[in-house]
């Protein structure tokens, strides 16, 4: 996969789920996301209401939170 194939969007955390999963609202559409590796390593906390950058999976399904804004 190339860098040009990666879609990064901004959204707002709506709900915190078990196992570091989050429900994120991206322009009226809600997707399930998980924390990226660097977010886990550096123990960055994500709370409900935070604005985040999400890397969308090209196959649909889930997204990965890569940055807290």
PDB file of N, CA and C in Angstrom:
ATOM      1  N   UNK A   1       0.845  -1.168   0.000  1.00  0.00           N
ATOM      2  CA  UNK A   1       0.000   0.000   0.000  1.00  0.00           C
ATOM      3  C   UNK A   1       0.893   1.234   0.000  1.00  0.00           C
ATOM      4  N   UNK A   2       0.532   2.203  -0.794  1.00  0.00           N
ATOM      5  CA  UNK A   2       1.309   3.425  -0.902  1.00  0.00           C
ATOM      6  C   UNK A   2       0.724   4.513  -0.022  1.00  0.00           C
ATOM      7  N   UNK A   3       1.501   5.551   0.216  1.00  0.00           N
ATOM      8  CA  UNK A   3       1.048   6.679   1.033  1.00  0.00           C
ATOM      9  C   UNK A   3      -0.171   7.355   0.423  1.00  0.00           C
ATOM     10  N   UNK A   4      -0.276   7.359  -0.894  1.00  0.00           N
ATOM     11  CA  UNK A   4      -1.403   8.032  -1.542  1.00  0.00           C
ATOM     12  C   UNK A   4      -2.716   7.278  -1.331  1.00  0.00           C
ATOM     13  N   UNK A   5      -2.649   5.980  -0.998  1.00  0.00           N
ATOM     14  CA  UNK A   5      -3.847   5.176  -0.763  1.00  0.00           C
ATOM     15  C   UNK A   5      -4.450   5.412   0.613  1.00  0.00           C
ATOM     16  N   UNK A   6      -3.691   6.015   1.523  1.00  0.00           N
ATOM     17  CA  UNK A   6      -4.130   6.195   2.901  1.00  0.00           C
ATOM     18  C   UNK A   6      -5.011   7.436   2.998  1.00  0.00           C
ATOM     19  N   UNK A   7      -6.203   7.261   3.573  1.00  0.00           N
ATOM     20  CA  UNK A   7      -7.132   8.371   3.753  1.00  0.00           C
ATOM     21  C   UNK A   7      -7.161   8.748   5.230  1.00  0.00           C
ATOM     22  N   UNK A   8      -6.830  10.004   5.537  1.00  0.00           N
ATOM     23  CA  UNK A   8      -6.829  10.488   6.919  1.00  0.00           C
ATOM     24  C   UNK A   8      -7.897  11.563   7.044  1.00  0.00           C
ATOM     25  N   UNK A   9      -8.790  11.377   8.029  1.00  0.00           N
ATOM     26  CA  UNK A   9      -9.881  12.320   8.261  1.00  0.00           C
ATOM     27  C   UNK A   9      -9.902  12.700   9.736  1.00  0.00           C
ATOM     28  N   UNK A  10     -10.602  13.798  10.036  1.00  0.00           N
ATOM     29  CA  UNK A  10     -10.748  14.234  11.417  1.00  0.00           C
ATOM     30  C   UNK A  10     -12.149  13.916  11.892  1.00  0.00           C
ATOM     31  N   UNK A  11     -12.254  13.561  13.174  1.00  0.00           N
ATOM     32  CA  UNK A  11     -13.549  13.245  13.750  1.00  0.00           C
ATOM     33  C   UNK A  11     -13.556  13.532  15.239  1.00  0.00           C
ATOM     34  N   UNK A  12     -14.677  13.234  15.875  1.00  0.00           N
ATOM     35  CA  UNK A  12     -14.830  13.468  17.307  1.00  0.00           C
ATOM     36  C   UNK A  12     -15.256  12.162  17.969  1.00  0.00           C
ATOM     37  N   UNK A  13     -14.614  11.833  19.097  1.00  0.00           N
ATOM     38  CA  UNK A  13     -14.919  10.603  19.822  1.00  0.00           C
ATOM     39  C   UNK A  13     -16.297  10.740  20.465  1.00  0.00           C
ATOM     40  N   UNK A  14     -17.170   9.779  20.171  1.00  0.00           N
ATOM     41  CA  UNK A  14     -18.533   9.791  20.683  1.00  0.00           C
ATOM     42  C   UNK A  14     -18.677   8.865  21.882  1.00  0.00           C
ATOM     43  N   UNK A  15     -18.000   7.701  21.830  1.00  0.00           N
ATOM     44  CA  UNK A  15     -18.154   6.703  22.884  1.00  0.00           C
ATOM     45  C   UNK A  15     -16.863   5.915  23.040  1.00  0.00           C
ATOM     46  N   UNK A  16     -16.506   5.625  24.295  1.00  0.00           N
ATOM     47  CA  UNK A  16     -15.356   4.776  24.593  1.00  0.00           C
ATOM     48  C   UNK A  16     -15.874   3.367  24.865  1.00  0.00           C
ATOM     49  N   UNK A  17     -15.326   2.391  24.158  1.00  0.00           N
ATOM     50  CA  UNK A  17     -15.733   1.000  24.286  1.00  0.00           C
ATOM     51  C   UNK A  17     -14.609   0.202  24.961  1.00  0.00           C
ATOM     52  N   UNK A  18     -14.867  -1.023  25.399  1.00  0.00           N
ATOM     53  CA  UNK A  18     -13.805  -1.839  26.007  1.00  0.00           C
ATOM     54  C   UNK A  18     -12.682  -2.148  25.011  1.00  0.00           C
ATOM     55  N   UNK A  19     -11.530  -2.521  25.537  1.00  0.00           N
ATOM     56  CA  UNK A  19     -10.357  -2.930  24.751  1.00  0.00           C
ATOM     57  C   UNK A  19      -9.817  -1.812  23.870  1.00  0.00           C
ATOM     58  N   UNK A  20      -9.794  -0.594  24.369  1.00  0.00           N
ATOM     59  CA  UNK A  20      -9.294   0.598  23.675  1.00  0.00           C
ATOM     60  C   UNK A  20      -9.931   0.782  22.297  1.00  0.00           C
ATOM     61  N   UNK A  21     -11.193   0.445  22.175  1.00  0.00           N
ATOM     62  CA  UNK A  21     -11.959   0.730  20.967  1.00  0.00           C
ATOM     63  C   UNK A  21     -12.775   1.992  21.213  1.00  0.00           C
ATOM     64  N   UNK A  22     -13.015   2.746  20.156  1.00  0.00           N
ATOM     65  CA  UNK A  22     -13.760   3.985  20.263  1.00  0.00           C
ATOM     66  C   UNK A  22     -14.732   4.096  19.103  1.00  0.00           C
ATOM     67  N   UNK A  23     -15.860   4.755  19.333  1.00  0.00           N
ATOM     68  CA  UNK A  23     -16.803   5.079  18.276  1.00  0.00           C
ATOM     69  C   UNK A  23     -16.564   6.544  17.940  1.00  0.00           C
ATOM     70  N   UNK A  24     -16.210   6.814  16.683  1.00  0.00           N
ATOM     71  CA  UNK A  24     -15.846   8.162  16.250  1.00  0.00           C
ATOM     72  C   UNK A  24     -16.815   8.638  15.183  1.00  0.00           C
ATOM     73  N   UNK A  25     -17.299   9.876  15.339  1.00  0.00           N
ATOM     74  CA  UNK A  25     -18.198  10.498  14.371  1.00  0.00           C
ATOM     75  C   UNK A  25     -17.373  11.250  13.342  1.00  0.00           C
ATOM     76  N   UNK A  26     -17.538  10.867  12.079  1.00  0.00           N
ATOM     77  CA  UNK A  26     -16.807  11.502  10.982  1.00  0.00           C
ATOM     78  C   UNK A  26     -17.838  12.073  10.018  1.00  0.00           C
ATOM     79  N   UNK A  27     -18.224  13.309  10.250  1.00  0.00           N
ATOM     80  CA  UNK A  27     -19.169  13.968   9.360  1.00  0.00           C
ATOM     81  C   UNK A  27     -20.515  13.266   9.252  1.00  0.00           C
ATOM     82  N   UNK A  28     -21.099  12.887  10.379  1.00  0.00           N
ATOM     83  CA  UNK A  28     -22.407  12.246  10.371  1.00  0.00           C
ATOM     84  C   UNK A  28     -22.367  10.738  10.284  1.00  0.00           C
ATOM     85  N   UNK A  29     -21.217  10.160  10.005  1.00  0.00           N
ATOM     86  CA  UNK A  29     -21.066   8.710   9.923  1.00  0.00           C
ATOM     87  C   UNK A  29     -20.202   8.249  11.096  1.00  0.00           C
ATOM     88  N   UNK A  30     -20.653   7.229  11.816  1.00  0.00           N
ATOM     89  CA  UNK A  30     -19.890   6.722  12.956  1.00  0.00           C
ATOM     90  C   UNK A  30     -19.182   5.431  12.571  1.00  0.00           C
ATOM     91  N   UNK A  31     -17.887   5.352  12.932  1.00  0.00           N
ATOM     92  CA  UNK A  31     -17.122   4.131  12.680  1.00  0.00           C
ATOM     93  C   UNK A  31     -16.453   3.691  13.974  1.00  0.00           C
ATOM     94  N   UNK A  32     -16.117   2.419  14.037  1.00  0.00           N
ATOM     95  CA  UNK A  32     -15.377   1.867  15.169  1.00  0.00           C
ATOM     96  C   UNK A  32     -13.894   2.037  14.870  1.00  0.00           C
ATOM     97  N   UNK A  33     -13.149   2.559  15.839  1.00  0.00           N
ATOM     98  CA  UNK A  33     -11.715   2.777  15.665  1.00  0.00           C
ATOM     99  C   UNK A  33     -10.949   2.174  16.835  1.00  0.00           C
ATOM    100  N   UNK A  34      -9.657   1.972  16.630  1.00  0.00           N
ATOM    101  CA  UNK A  34      -8.781   1.498  17.688  1.00  0.00           C
ATOM    102  C   UNK A  34      -7.570   2.417  17.763  1.00  0.00           C
ATOM    103  N   UNK A  35      -6.829   2.341  18.862  1.00  0.00           N
ATOM    104  CA  UNK A  35      -5.655   3.199  19.036  1.00  0.00           C
ATOM    105  C   UNK A  35      -4.494   2.680  18.220  1.00  0.00           C
ATOM    106  N   UNK A  36      -3.774   3.590  17.596  1.00  0.00           N
ATOM    107  CA  UNK A  36      -2.577   3.232  16.859  1.00  0.00           C
ATOM    108  C   UNK A  36      -1.451   2.852  17.811  1.00  0.00           C
ATOM    109  N   UNK A  37      -0.422   2.214  17.303  1.00  0.00           N
ATOM    110  CA  UNK A  37       0.686   1.717  18.109  1.00  0.00           C
ATOM    111  C   UNK A  37       1.411   2.785  18.908  1.00  0.00           C
ATOM    112  N   UNK A  38       1.716   3.918  18.291  1.00  0.00           N
ATOM    113  CA  UNK A  38       2.434   4.978  19.001  1.00  0.00           C
ATOM    114  C   UNK A  38       1.586   5.590  20.102  1.00  0.00           C
ATOM    115  N   UNK A  39       0.257   5.624  19.901  1.00  0.00           N
ATOM    116  CA  UNK A  39      -0.640   6.145  20.938  1.00  0.00           C
ATOM    117  C   UNK A  39      -0.592   5.231  22.163  1.00  0.00           C
ATOM    118  N   UNK A  40      -0.506   3.927  21.927  1.00  0.00           N
ATOM    119  CA  UNK A  40      -0.425   2.966  23.040  1.00  0.00           C
ATOM    120  C   UNK A  40       0.935   3.021  23.727  1.00  0.00           C
ATOM    121  N   UNK A  41       1.995   3.084  22.940  1.00  0.00           N
ATOM    122  CA  UNK A  41       3.349   3.088  23.498  1.00  0.00           C
ATOM    123  C   UNK A  41       3.563   4.297  24.402  1.00  0.00           C
ATOM    124  N   UNK A  42       3.127   5.474  23.968  1.00  0.00           N
ATOM    125  CA  UNK A  42       3.339   6.706  24.726  1.00  0.00           C
ATOM    126  C   UNK A  42       2.214   6.996  25.710  1.00  0.00           C
ATOM    127  N   UNK A  43       1.254   6.046  25.825  1.00  0.00           N
ATOM    128  CA  UNK A  43       0.149   6.120  26.794  1.00  0.00           C
ATOM    129  C   UNK A  43      -0.621   7.430  26.697  1.00  0.00           C
ATOM    130  N   UNK A  44      -0.974   7.799  25.471  1.00  0.00           N
ATOM    131  CA  UNK A  44      -1.763   9.013  25.242  1.00  0.00           C
ATOM    132  C   UNK A  44      -3.223   8.678  25.488  1.00  0.00           C
ATOM    133  N   UNK A  45      -3.850   9.421  26.362  1.00  0.00           N
ATOM    134  CA  UNK A  45      -5.239   9.165  26.735  1.00  0.00           C
ATOM    135  C   UNK A  45      -6.181   9.825  25.731  1.00  0.00           C
ATOM    136  N   UNK A  46      -7.218   9.110  25.366  1.00  0.00           N
ATOM    137  CA  UNK A  46      -8.257   9.632  24.482  1.00  0.00           C
ATOM    138  C   UNK A  46      -9.568   9.552  25.251  1.00  0.00           C
ATOM    139  N   UNK A  47     -10.260  10.682  25.346  1.00  0.00           N
ATOM    140  CA  UNK A  47     -11.500  10.761  26.094  1.00  0.00           C
ATOM    141  C   UNK A  47     -12.657  11.097  25.160  1.00  0.00           C
ATOM    142  N   UNK A  48     -13.865  10.862  25.639  1.00  0.00           N
ATOM    143  CA  UNK A  48     -15.059  11.200  24.872  1.00  0.00           C
ATOM    144  C   UNK A  48     -15.092  12.708  24.655  1.00  0.00           C
ATOM    145  N   UNK A  49     -15.323  13.130  23.413  1.00  0.00           N
ATOM    146  CA  UNK A  49     -15.356  14.541  23.065  1.00  0.00           C
ATOM    147  C   UNK A  49     -14.074  15.047  22.439  1.00  0.00           C
ATOM    148  N   UNK A  50     -12.997  14.276  22.475  1.00  0.00           N
ATOM    149  CA  UNK A  50     -11.726  14.699  21.876  1.00  0.00           C
ATOM    150  C   UNK A  50     -11.807  14.666  20.357  1.00  0.00           C
ATOM    151  N   UNK A  51     -11.131  15.624  19.712  1.00  0.00           N
ATOM    152  CA  UNK A  51     -10.983  15.604  18.263  1.00  0.00           C
ATOM    153  C   UNK A  51      -9.759  14.750  17.946  1.00  0.00           C
ATOM    154  N   UNK A  52      -9.889  13.864  16.959  1.00  0.00           N
ATOM    155  CA  UNK A  52      -8.814  12.948  16.615  1.00  0.00           C
ATOM    156  C   UNK A  52      -8.657  12.855  15.100  1.00  0.00           C
ATOM    157  N   UNK A  53      -7.449  12.472  14.679  1.00  0.00           N
ATOM    158  CA  UNK A  53      -7.201  12.141  13.277  1.00  0.00           C
ATOM    159  C   UNK A  53      -7.292  10.633  13.139  1.00  0.00           C
ATOM    160  N   UNK A  54      -8.046  10.190  12.135  1.00  0.00           N
ATOM    161  CA  UNK A  54      -8.294   8.766  11.950  1.00  0.00           C
ATOM    162  C   UNK A  54      -7.819   8.348  10.570  1.00  0.00           C
ATOM    163  N   UNK A  55      -7.080   7.249  10.531  1.00  0.00           N
ATOM    164  CA  UNK A  55      -6.648   6.655   9.274  1.00  0.00           C
ATOM    165  C   UNK A  55      -7.677   5.581   8.926  1.00  0.00           C
ATOM    166  N   UNK A  56      -8.380   5.766   7.809  1.00  0.00           N
ATOM    167  CA  UNK A  56      -9.461   4.870   7.410  1.00  0.00           C
ATOM    168  C   UNK A  56      -8.888   3.645   6.702  1.00  0.00           C
ATOM    169  N   UNK A  57      -9.395   2.481   7.080  1.00  0.00           N
ATOM    170  CA  UNK A  57      -9.027   1.226   6.438  1.00  0.00           C
ATOM    171  C   UNK A  57      -9.553   1.244   4.998  1.00  0.00           C
ATOM    172  N   UNK A  58      -8.727   0.931   4.001  1.00  0.00           N
ATOM    173  CA  UNK A  58      -9.195   1.004   2.608  1.00  0.00           C
ATOM    174  C   UNK A  58     -10.298   0.001   2.283  1.00  0.00           C
ATOM    175  N   UNK A  59     -10.491  -1.025   3.102  1.00  0.00           N
ATOM    176  CA  UNK A  59     -11.504  -2.040   2.844  1.00  0.00           C
ATOM    177  C   UNK A  59     -12.812  -1.776   3.572  1.00  0.00           C
ATOM    178  N   UNK A  60     -12.924  -0.627   4.244  1.00  0.00           N
ATOM    179  CA  UNK A  60     -14.147  -0.332   4.998  1.00  0.00           C
ATOM    180  C   UNK A  60     -13.912  -0.574   6.479  1.00  0.00           C
ATOM    181  N   UNK A  61     -14.667  -1.396   7.097  1.00  0.00           N
ATOM    182  CA  UNK A  61     -14.470  -1.868   8.458  1.00  0.00           C
ATOM    183  C   UNK A  61     -14.121  -0.833   9.500  1.00  0.00           C
ATOM    184  N   UNK A  62     -12.882  -0.850   9.952  1.00  0.00           N
ATOM    185  CA  UNK A  62     -12.446  -0.038  11.082  1.00  0.00           C
ATOM    186  C   UNK A  62     -11.513   1.090  10.648  1.00  0.00           C
ATOM    187  N   UNK A  63     -11.182   1.915  11.633  1.00  0.00           N
ATOM    188  CA  UNK A  63     -10.201   2.966  11.435  1.00  0.00           C
ATOM    189  C   UNK A  63      -9.202   2.916  12.573  1.00  0.00           C
ATOM    190  N   UNK A  64      -8.097   3.647  12.424  1.00  0.00           N
ATOM    191  CA  UNK A  64      -7.061   3.687  13.457  1.00  0.00           C
ATOM    192  C   UNK A  64      -6.817   5.130  13.864  1.00  0.00           C
ATOM    193  N   UNK A  65      -6.912   5.393  15.167  1.00  0.00           N
ATOM    194  CA  UNK A  65      -6.643   6.734  15.680  1.00  0.00           C
ATOM    195  C   UNK A  65      -5.134   6.933  15.699  1.00  0.00           C
ATOM    196  N   UNK A  66      -4.667   7.946  14.951  1.00  0.00           N
ATOM    197  CA  UNK A  66      -3.231   8.175  14.867  1.00  0.00           C
ATOM    198  C   UNK A  66      -2.777   9.442  15.574  1.00  0.00           C
ATOM    199  N   UNK A  67      -3.721  10.367  15.857  1.00  0.00           N
ATOM    200  CA  UNK A  67      -3.335  11.614  16.498  1.00  0.00           C
ATOM    201  C   UNK A  67      -4.519  12.195  17.249  1.00  0.00           C
ATOM    202  N   UNK A  68      -4.226  12.761  18.418  1.00  0.00           N
ATOM    203  CA  UNK A  68      -5.253  13.480  19.188  1.00  0.00           C
ATOM    204  C   UNK A  68      -5.013  14.958  18.976  1.00  0.00           C
ATOM    205  N   UNK A  69      -6.030  15.681  18.532  1.00  0.00           N
ATOM    206  CA  UNK A  69      -5.868  17.094  18.202  1.00  0.00           C
ATOM    207  C   UNK A  69      -6.242  17.990  19.357  1.00  0.00           C
TER     208      UNK A  69
END
